[in-house]
Amino acid sequence: MKIGLVGLPGSGKSTVFRVLTRQSDASHHGGDGIATVHVQDRRLDRIFEICQPKKMTYAELTVLDLLAVKDGTSADDELHLVKVAGDADAFAVVVQCFGDLDHTGAELDPRSDLETVLLEMSLTDLGIVEGRSKRIKDKGSKREVHEEWELSVLERVREHVAKNGQVRELELAEDEAKLLRGFALLTLKPLLVVLNIAEDDTEAQQATGARQLAEETGLAYVTVCAELAEELAELPEDEQQEFLGAYGFIEPARERLIKAAYDLLDIITFFTVNENEARAWTVSAGATAPEAAGKVHSDMEQGFIRAEVIPFEVLDRAGSMSEVKKQNLMRVEGREYVVQDGDILQIRFSR
């Protein structure tokens, strides 16, 4: 799973990147930071404690610190953004909601900043769609049937985006969505708004306008103070919790950002455990047991027979695998079973 961070200069985008990845600016290469985050999960810690395998492996999240979006972004920058962000599963737009002035020296207006980023993403998509449409139209009478259909899809997208719409807002048939995914359109992908507030703005008053715009446009959002989060990360965990409580936060910004990303992509976590390893895996909500098995290994999905399922809460209460078996708490599920968040799966398959 990959999340691309975008934002205007001065938004705190790279600070959010460091909070997520716990890395310094030295991790950035060629202007674009990229890092893999190990998503800590207390449930996996508990499974490891109970079962005591040789090792433990957390799920992973890849974070891309993309170039800052600017008013009037050049065509070269647009293409660069598409190139480096094309394989991102979603975007997080970081919005400056602290201070009195923005990066240009003008009065801070977070709602306008968010509008600017959304507009620039739409314009980038518009350029891609119009470019492809022109190439098809230039063929004239030599156009093939499937290209006529493609042109009709692109025209519908163009009309919507030209009105400052986002492609993800369109109702698309499966074949239409498949076509458009091939263009790596920025506004087709899920988007999270990160409202980056000041340390002393505990009620997030400066974020009001941007938050309202996010709500009006149906965008998910999360409020953080990236600068404070980066400072707290240097403290021992017990002191971090004390400071978080003083600022009215229950969880650290890093955990809230990751949870928001999971919710945005509708991702759940399941676990596997044997004598060698306890491991967390991610899968789309609604995935069946064979699909989850395929995340572990393609052979497991192809030869799937059944899944032996233990909800995490059951193992946690029982305290051991032997007690789970003694109380007959393990369920046996077939191909139609929809995996639930926190399931511990033992996949039985034919080789």
Protein backbone atom coordinates (compact mmCIF):
# COMPACT_ATOMS: atom_id res chain seq x y z
CA MET A 1 0.00 0.00 0.00
CA LYS A 2 1.43 3.38 -1.05
CA ILE A 3 0.38 6.83 0.10
CA GLY A 4 1.64 9.92 -1.73
CA LEU A 5 1.94 13.17 0.26
CA VAL A 6 1.22 16.40 -1.64
CA GLY A 7 0.76 19.99 -0.56
CA LEU A 8 1.69 23.60 -1.18
CA PRO A 9 5.13 24.88 -0.12
CA GLY A 10 5.17 25.56 3.61
CA SER A 11 2.30 23.17 4.37
CA GLY A 12 4.50 20.95 6.54
CA LYS A 13 4.29 18.08 4.08
CA SER A 14 7.85 16.90 4.67
CA THR A 15 7.36 17.18 8.44
CA VAL A 16 4.34 14.87 8.11
CA PHE A 17 6.57 12.53 6.09
CA ARG A 18 9.14 12.45 8.88
CA VAL A 19 6.44 11.89 11.49
CA LEU A 20 5.11 8.93 9.52
CA THR A 21 8.49 7.45 8.71
CA ARG A 22 10.50 8.66 11.70
CA GLN A 23 13.29 9.65 9.35
CA SER A 24 15.19 12.88 8.79
CA ASP A 25 15.61 14.90 5.61
CA ALA A 26 18.65 12.73 4.86
CA SER A 27 16.23 10.00 3.72
CA HIS A 28 15.12 12.12 0.77
CA HIS A 29 16.71 11.28 -2.57
CA GLY A 30 16.49 13.46 -5.66
CA GLY A 31 13.87 15.69 -4.04
CA ASP A 32 11.38 12.84 -3.55
CA GLY A 33 11.37 11.02 -0.22
CA ILE A 34 10.28 7.42 -0.10
CA ALA A 35 10.22 5.16 2.93
CA THR A 36 8.60 1.99 4.13
CA VAL A 37 6.74 2.22 7.42
CA HIS A 38 6.34 -0.80 9.66
CA VAL A 39 2.80 -0.49 11.00
CA GLN A 40 3.01 -1.45 14.64
CA ASP A 41 -0.01 -3.36 15.89
CA ARG A 42 -0.51 -4.21 19.56
CA ARG A 43 -2.54 -7.24 18.53
CA LEU A 44 0.47 -8.71 16.72
CA ASP A 45 2.61 -7.96 19.78
CA ARG A 46 0.15 -9.95 21.88
CA ILE A 47 0.05 -12.86 19.41
CA PHE A 48 3.86 -12.95 19.49
CA GLU A 49 3.80 -12.92 23.30
CA ILE A 50 1.33 -15.81 23.46
CA CYS A 51 2.67 -18.03 20.69
CA GLN A 52 6.38 -17.14 20.96
CA PRO A 53 7.47 -17.82 17.36
CA LYS A 54 11.01 -17.05 16.24
CA LYS A 55 10.15 -13.66 14.74
CA MET A 56 7.42 -11.09 14.21
CA THR A 57 6.67 -9.13 11.01
CA TYR A 58 4.47 -6.04 10.92
CA ALA A 59 2.44 -4.95 7.91
CA GLU A 60 4.06 -2.27 5.75
CA LEU A 61 3.00 1.08 4.34
CA THR A 62 5.07 2.92 1.74
CA VAL A 63 5.03 6.71 1.99
CA LEU A 64 6.06 9.03 -0.86
CA ASP A 65 6.98 12.65 -0.14
CA LEU A 66 6.09 14.15 -3.51
CA LEU A 67 7.01 17.57 -4.89
CA ALA A 68 5.18 20.59 -3.54
CA VAL A 69 2.25 21.68 -5.69
CA LYS A 70 2.42 25.33 -6.83
CA ASP A 71 -0.02 27.74 -8.39
CA GLY A 72 0.43 27.56 -12.14
CA THR A 73 2.42 24.33 -11.99
CA SER A 74 4.44 23.92 -15.19
CA ALA A 75 3.73 21.13 -17.63
CA ASP A 76 7.05 19.51 -16.70
CA ASP A 77 6.12 19.47 -13.02
CA GLU A 78 2.69 18.03 -13.85
CA LEU A 79 4.29 15.17 -15.75
CA HIS A 80 6.81 14.66 -12.95
CA LEU A 81 4.03 14.41 -10.38
CA VAL A 82 2.20 11.84 -12.47
CA LYS A 83 5.41 9.87 -13.03
CA VAL A 84 6.40 9.62 -9.37
CA ALA A 85 2.87 9.26 -8.02
CA GLY A 86 1.40 7.00 -10.66
CA ASP A 87 1.57 3.85 -8.57
CA ALA A 88 0.35 5.45 -5.32
CA ASP A 89 -2.84 3.88 -4.01
CA ALA A 90 -4.03 7.14 -2.47
CA PHE A 91 -2.98 10.71 -1.75
CA ALA A 92 -2.82 12.74 1.43
CA VAL A 93 -3.01 16.51 0.90
CA VAL A 94 -1.29 18.39 3.71
CA VAL A 95 -2.84 21.82 4.34
CA GLN A 96 -1.14 24.60 6.31
CA CYS A 97 -3.45 25.59 9.17
CA PHE A 98 -0.87 27.38 11.33
CA GLY A 99 0.68 30.86 11.34
CA ASP A 100 -0.65 34.09 9.89
CA LEU A 101 0.96 34.02 6.43
CA ASP A 102 1.19 31.38 3.72
CA HIS A 103 4.27 30.52 1.64
CA THR A 104 3.74 33.54 -0.62
CA GLY A 105 3.57 36.01 2.27
CA ALA A 106 -0.19 36.48 1.83
CA GLU A 107 -2.73 36.10 4.62
CA LEU A 108 -3.23 32.43 5.45
CA ASP A 109 -6.36 30.88 3.91
CA PRO A 110 -6.38 27.07 4.38
CA ARG A 111 -9.63 26.63 2.45
CA SER A 112 -8.15 28.44 -0.56
CA ASP A 113 -4.96 26.38 -0.26
CA LEU A 114 -6.93 23.14 -0.36
CA GLU A 115 -8.93 24.43 -3.33
CA THR A 116 -5.66 25.22 -5.11
CA VAL A 117 -4.26 21.72 -4.65
CA LEU A 118 -7.50 20.08 -5.78
CA LEU A 119 -7.62 22.39 -8.81
CA GLU A 120 -4.01 21.65 -9.79
CA MET A 121 -4.66 17.91 -9.55
CA SER A 122 -7.76 18.33 -11.71
CA LEU A 123 -5.84 20.37 -14.29
CA THR A 124 -3.15 17.70 -14.43
CA ASP A 125 -5.81 15.07 -15.13
CA LEU A 126 -7.49 17.32 -17.68
CA GLY A 127 -4.22 17.61 -19.59
CA ILE A 128 -3.80 13.83 -19.63
CA VAL A 129 -7.38 13.19 -20.81
CA GLU A 130 -7.29 15.88 -23.49
CA GLY A 131 -3.92 14.64 -24.75
CA ARG A 132 -5.20 11.10 -25.18
CA SER A 133 -8.46 12.30 -26.75
CA LYS A 134 -6.55 14.36 -29.30
CA ARG A 135 -4.41 11.39 -30.30
CA ILE A 136 -7.54 9.33 -30.93
CA LYS A 137 -9.30 12.12 -32.82
CA ASP A 138 -6.24 12.67 -35.00
CA LYS A 139 -6.72 9.16 -36.39
CA GLY A 140 -9.94 10.33 -38.04
CA SER A 141 -11.73 7.57 -39.95
CA LYS A 142 -8.96 5.11 -39.01
CA ARG A 143 -10.22 4.95 -35.43
CA GLU A 144 -11.17 1.49 -34.22
CA VAL A 145 -14.43 0.62 -32.44
CA HIS A 146 -12.85 0.33 -28.99
CA GLU A 147 -11.25 3.76 -29.48
CA GLU A 148 -14.67 5.30 -30.18
CA TRP A 149 -15.82 3.86 -26.85
CA GLU A 150 -12.66 5.10 -25.13
CA LEU A 151 -13.22 8.56 -26.59
CA SER A 152 -16.76 8.67 -25.19
CA VAL A 153 -15.48 7.73 -21.72
CA LEU A 154 -12.71 10.34 -21.87
CA GLU A 155 -15.17 13.01 -23.00
CA ARG A 156 -17.39 12.33 -19.98
CA VAL A 157 -14.35 12.59 -17.72
CA ARG A 158 -13.19 15.77 -19.45
CA GLU A 159 -16.55 17.47 -18.99
CA HIS A 160 -16.62 16.59 -15.29
CA VAL A 161 -13.02 17.59 -14.56
CA ALA A 162 -13.37 20.83 -16.55
CA LYS A 163 -15.99 21.86 -13.97
CA ASN A 164 -13.39 21.33 -11.19
CA GLY A 165 -14.76 17.88 -10.52
CA GLN A 166 -12.73 14.93 -9.30
CA VAL A 167 -12.75 11.70 -11.34
CA ARG A 168 -13.46 9.62 -8.23
CA GLU A 169 -16.87 11.33 -8.02
CA LEU A 170 -18.04 9.73 -11.29
CA GLU A 171 -20.03 6.52 -11.33
CA LEU A 172 -17.94 4.21 -13.50
CA ALA A 173 -18.63 0.78 -14.92
CA GLU A 174 -15.94 -1.82 -14.25
CA ASP A 175 -14.50 -1.60 -17.77
CA GLU A 176 -14.48 2.22 -17.60
CA ALA A 177 -12.65 2.20 -14.25
CA LYS A 178 -10.11 -0.27 -15.63
CA LEU A 179 -9.47 1.97 -18.64
CA LEU A 180 -8.98 5.09 -16.51
CA ARG A 181 -6.66 3.38 -14.03
CA GLY A 182 -4.24 2.98 -16.92
CA PHE A 183 -3.86 6.77 -17.11
CA ALA A 184 -2.82 7.12 -13.43
CA LEU A 185 -5.27 10.01 -13.01
CA LEU A 186 -4.61 11.83 -9.75
CA THR A 187 -8.23 12.60 -8.87
CA LEU A 188 -9.37 9.03 -9.48
CA LYS A 189 -7.56 7.85 -6.35
CA PRO A 190 -8.81 8.17 -2.77
CA LEU A 191 -7.71 11.37 -1.06
CA LEU A 192 -7.17 12.23 2.59
CA VAL A 193 -6.91 15.84 3.80
CA VAL A 194 -4.33 16.36 6.56
CA LEU A 195 -5.10 19.55 8.48
CA ASN A 196 -1.74 20.60 9.93
CA ILE A 197 -2.52 22.88 12.87
CA ALA A 198 -0.45 24.98 15.29
CA GLU A 199 0.59 23.60 18.65
CA ASP A 200 -1.52 26.14 20.56
CA ASP A 201 -4.62 25.77 18.35
CA THR A 202 -6.13 22.89 20.32
CA GLU A 203 -9.62 23.55 18.90
CA ALA A 204 -8.25 23.64 15.30
CA GLN A 205 -9.90 26.99 14.68
CA GLN A 206 -7.59 27.88 11.77
CA ALA A 207 -8.53 24.63 10.05
CA THR A 208 -12.26 25.47 9.99
CA GLY A 209 -12.45 26.59 6.36
CA ALA A 210 -10.45 23.68 4.96
CA ARG A 211 -12.36 21.22 7.14
CA GLN A 212 -15.67 22.58 5.84
CA LEU A 213 -14.47 22.24 2.24
CA ALA A 214 -13.42 18.65 2.90
CA GLU A 215 -16.86 17.90 4.31
CA GLU A 216 -18.61 19.65 1.41
CA THR A 217 -16.67 17.61 -1.14
CA GLY A 218 -16.93 14.30 0.75
CA LEU A 219 -13.21 14.06 1.51
CA ALA A 220 -11.89 12.29 4.60
CA TYR A 221 -9.71 14.43 6.88
CA VAL A 222 -7.54 14.14 9.97
CA THR A 223 -6.19 16.91 12.20
CA VAL A 224 -2.58 16.82 13.40
CA CYS A 225 0.14 19.13 14.61
CA ALA A 226 3.09 17.72 12.69
CA GLU A 227 5.67 19.94 14.39
CA LEU A 228 4.53 18.86 17.85
CA ALA A 229 4.36 15.22 16.77
CA GLU A 230 7.94 15.35 15.53
CA GLU A 231 9.09 16.83 18.84
CA LEU A 232 7.16 14.29 20.93
CA ALA A 233 8.68 11.41 18.97
CA GLU A 234 11.99 12.22 20.65
CA LEU A 235 10.54 11.63 24.12
CA PRO A 236 10.13 8.31 26.00
CA GLU A 237 6.73 6.70 25.36
CA ASP A 238 5.35 7.40 28.85
CA GLU A 239 6.18 11.11 28.51
CA GLN A 240 4.62 11.16 25.04
CA GLN A 241 1.32 9.92 26.47
CA GLU A 242 1.42 12.58 29.18
CA PHE A 243 1.88 15.38 26.65
CA LEU A 244 -0.74 13.93 24.29
CA GLY A 245 -3.28 13.99 27.09
CA ALA A 246 -2.45 17.62 27.83
CA TYR A 247 -3.16 18.51 24.18
CA GLY A 248 -6.38 16.49 24.07
CA PHE A 249 -5.11 13.69 21.81
CA ILE A 250 -5.61 10.02 22.66
CA GLU A 251 -3.30 8.57 20.04
CA PRO A 252 -0.02 9.92 18.59
CA ALA A 253 -0.29 11.67 15.22
CA ARG A 254 1.60 8.85 13.50
CA GLU A 255 -0.94 6.23 14.57
CA ARG A 256 -3.89 8.48 13.68
CA LEU A 257 -2.46 9.18 10.23
CA ILE A 258 -1.90 5.49 9.53
CA LYS A 259 -5.39 4.59 10.79
CA ALA A 260 -6.88 7.31 8.58
CA ALA A 261 -4.99 5.88 5.59
CA TYR A 262 -6.32 2.39 6.34
CA ASP A 263 -9.87 3.73 6.68
CA LEU A 264 -9.50 5.70 3.45
CA LEU A 265 -8.52 2.61 1.50
CA ASP A 266 -10.94 0.37 3.42
CA ILE A 267 -8.08 -1.88 4.52
CA ILE A 268 -8.23 -4.46 7.31
CA THR A 269 -5.55 -6.56 8.98
CA PHE A 270 -5.42 -10.31 9.45
CA PHE A 271 -2.69 -12.42 11.02
CA THR A 272 -0.90 -15.69 10.50
CA VAL A 273 1.24 -17.46 13.09
CA ASN A 274 3.34 -20.60 13.22
CA GLU A 275 6.45 -21.69 15.06
CA ASN A 276 8.64 -19.54 12.83
CA GLU A 277 6.73 -16.27 12.47
CA ALA A 278 3.79 -14.16 13.61
CA ARG A 279 2.85 -11.81 10.78
CA ALA A 280 0.32 -9.10 9.97
CA TRP A 281 -1.17 -8.84 6.49
CA THR A 282 -3.45 -6.25 4.90
CA VAL A 283 -6.35 -6.91 2.59
CA SER A 284 -9.34 -4.96 1.30
CA ALA A 285 -12.41 -5.13 3.52
CA GLY A 286 -14.82 -7.67 2.09
CA ALA A 287 -12.07 -10.01 0.88
CA THR A 288 -12.83 -13.72 1.06
CA ALA A 289 -10.63 -16.30 2.74
CA PRO A 290 -9.07 -17.46 -0.57
CA GLU A 291 -8.26 -13.86 -1.48
CA ALA A 292 -6.59 -13.35 1.89
CA ALA A 293 -4.70 -16.61 1.37
CA GLY A 294 -3.42 -15.20 -1.92
CA LYS A 295 -1.78 -12.35 -0.01
CA VAL A 296 0.35 -14.93 1.77
CA HIS A 297 1.14 -17.00 -1.33
CA SER A 298 -0.54 -17.52 -4.69
CA ASP A 299 -0.41 -21.32 -4.19
CA MET A 300 -2.60 -20.94 -1.12
CA GLU A 301 -5.31 -19.18 -3.08
CA GLN A 302 -5.20 -21.61 -5.99
CA GLY A 303 -5.25 -24.71 -3.79
CA PHE A 304 -7.47 -23.30 -1.04
CA ILE A 305 -9.37 -25.94 0.93
CA ARG A 306 -10.45 -24.21 4.14
CA ALA A 307 -9.42 -21.59 6.69
CA GLU A 308 -9.17 -22.24 10.41
CA VAL A 309 -10.14 -18.95 12.04
CA ILE A 310 -9.47 -17.58 15.51
CA PRO A 311 -10.59 -13.98 16.16
CA PHE A 312 -7.81 -12.11 17.95
CA GLU A 313 -10.06 -11.37 20.93
CA VAL A 314 -10.62 -15.10 21.41
CA LEU A 315 -6.90 -15.90 21.55
CA ASP A 316 -6.28 -12.89 23.76
CA ARG A 317 -8.84 -14.07 26.31
CA ALA A 318 -7.83 -17.73 26.13
CA GLY A 319 -4.16 -16.92 26.61
CA SER A 320 -2.81 -19.84 24.59
CA MET A 321 -3.45 -21.87 21.45
CA SER A 322 -3.86 -25.00 23.53
CA GLU A 323 -6.66 -23.34 25.51
CA VAL A 324 -8.35 -22.23 22.27
CA LYS A 325 -8.35 -25.83 21.08
CA LYS A 326 -9.41 -27.16 24.47
CA GLN A 327 -12.46 -24.87 24.46
CA ASN A 328 -13.15 -25.61 20.80
CA LEU A 329 -13.00 -21.90 19.95
CA MET A 330 -11.46 -22.25 16.50
CA ARG A 331 -13.89 -22.03 13.55
CA VAL A 332 -13.54 -23.75 10.20
CA GLU A 333 -14.60 -21.58 7.26
CA GLY A 334 -14.87 -22.23 3.52
CA ARG A 335 -14.33 -20.30 0.31
CA GLU A 336 -17.19 -17.84 0.87
CA TYR A 337 -16.01 -16.66 4.26
CA VAL A 338 -15.39 -12.89 4.43
CA VAL A 339 -12.29 -12.18 6.48
CA GLN A 340 -12.77 -9.90 9.48
CA ASP A 341 -10.30 -7.39 10.92
CA GLY A 342 -8.20 -9.17 13.53
CA ASP A 343 -8.77 -12.71 12.28
CA ILE A 344 -5.92 -15.16 12.82
CA LEU A 345 -5.95 -17.52 9.84
CA GLN A 346 -4.47 -20.96 9.35
CA ILE A 347 -4.86 -21.74 5.65
CA ARG A 348 -5.25 -25.35 4.55
CA PHE A 349 -4.52 -25.87 0.86
CA SER A 350 -3.53 -28.53 -1.64
CA ARG A 351 -0.13 -28.18 -3.28
